[in-house]
Amino acid sequence: MHSSNRPQPKPGIMDIAAYVPGRESAPGAAKVWKLSSNETPLGPSPAALEAVQAASGHLEAYPDGAAAGLREAIAEVHGLNSGNILCANGSDELLGLLAQTYLKPGDEGIFTEHGFLVYRIQILAAGATPVVVKEKDERADVDAILAAVTERTRIVFLANPNNPTGTYLPVEEVRRLHAGLPGHVLLVLDAAYAEYVRRNDYEAGIELVSSFENVVMTRTFSKIYGLAGLRIGWMYAPAHVVDAVNRVRGPFNVNALAIAAGAAAIRDRAHVERAAAHNEAWRAWLNEELTKLGLRVTPSIGNFLLVHFPQNGGKTAEDADAFLVARGFVLRRVTAYGFPNALRMSVGTEEANRGVVAALSKFLNG
């Protein structure tokens, strides 16, 4: 039958390569360590689990459509006005809502060559044109981004720190990027890993959003807070952006368990501190041990490392991946991110971290 006799997706949809999450299983392995999705090895705050328990008794009722309890908790911890905060079903949903709100066919959205795959997906889903900008030394290049801006540019997506590289732009560079953008272009600072950063020259974006009309910062509860299964994201944005996006989002886009758990999780600062300290110590250890094995590791400030493998001799990333999976260690292939010969490893428990290093030592020298 001729395909014109059935409903057709709008232009751009069939150009989308569907997002493939990190693999979870390792068939045949007795125990599996999943290090493919940058999940926290410490799990969520006990306070968040108690809040879920309490909220689960009332699932017949709709959640608060404004997610007020969650927005107030975020505002309190970060010293923000809750009116400038909008919550969503993961920061992925926010990226989509921003694209749907600000991009139309003919418009362009910019992101960098190793940036988060969801940017391309959402730009295409909005019917707009993705513009990919080269990075320099696996880091976003401000001059290259500014050179790519045209009269059709409406959004620039910048992941800072970036996944899967773990590199970042210092605050002066982010400010220089913003200063070079026309006022009608929205700069989206995706700071999903901000809580892990311990650098004096880094800012997640709060100051920039507070000072300008065309900057938005997105954040998530999926990483350091350990609530990836509940899907909670939030953005801090100028009032006019919040107002516009509020008209597009689903009326109950954050569920009741997420609202309760998120509010409890963000107030448990001791748990966040423990997770950041664990990450700092073990990321440094992994970096050193993997480098000792002769592997190149991209300098990361996130909760993961991008590890590069030899091009040949049966020691490629693909070979390493097969070797690790057979032993229960599941890392992330990053071919779709432009790194066919690297694996991204989330910082795991002590057992997982030591296990990967021991396995890779055997793989490289065996």
Foldseek 3Di string as FASTA:
>chain_A
DDPVPDDDDDPLQVVADDDDAFDDAQPPAPAADEFAHQAFQVAADVLLVVLLVVLVVPQVDFAQLQLVLLLVLVCVLVVHDSLQKGKFQAVLVVLLLLLLLFPAAQAEEEEELLADSSNSNSVSSRNYHYDYFYDDLPERDLVRRLVPDDPRYAEYEYEAVGPPAQDGDFPVSVVVSVVSDPQRHAYEYEDAFVLLFDDPRHDQCPVVQVVGQRYKYKYGCRHLNNPNVQRMIMMRHPNVSVVSSCVVDDSRRHGNSRSRSSSSRSVPVVSSVVSSVLQVVQVVVLCVLLVVLVWDWRDHSGQKIKTFWDPDDCTFQVSLQSQCSVNNYGWHQSVVSVRNGITMGGRHPPVNSVVSSVSSSVVSPD
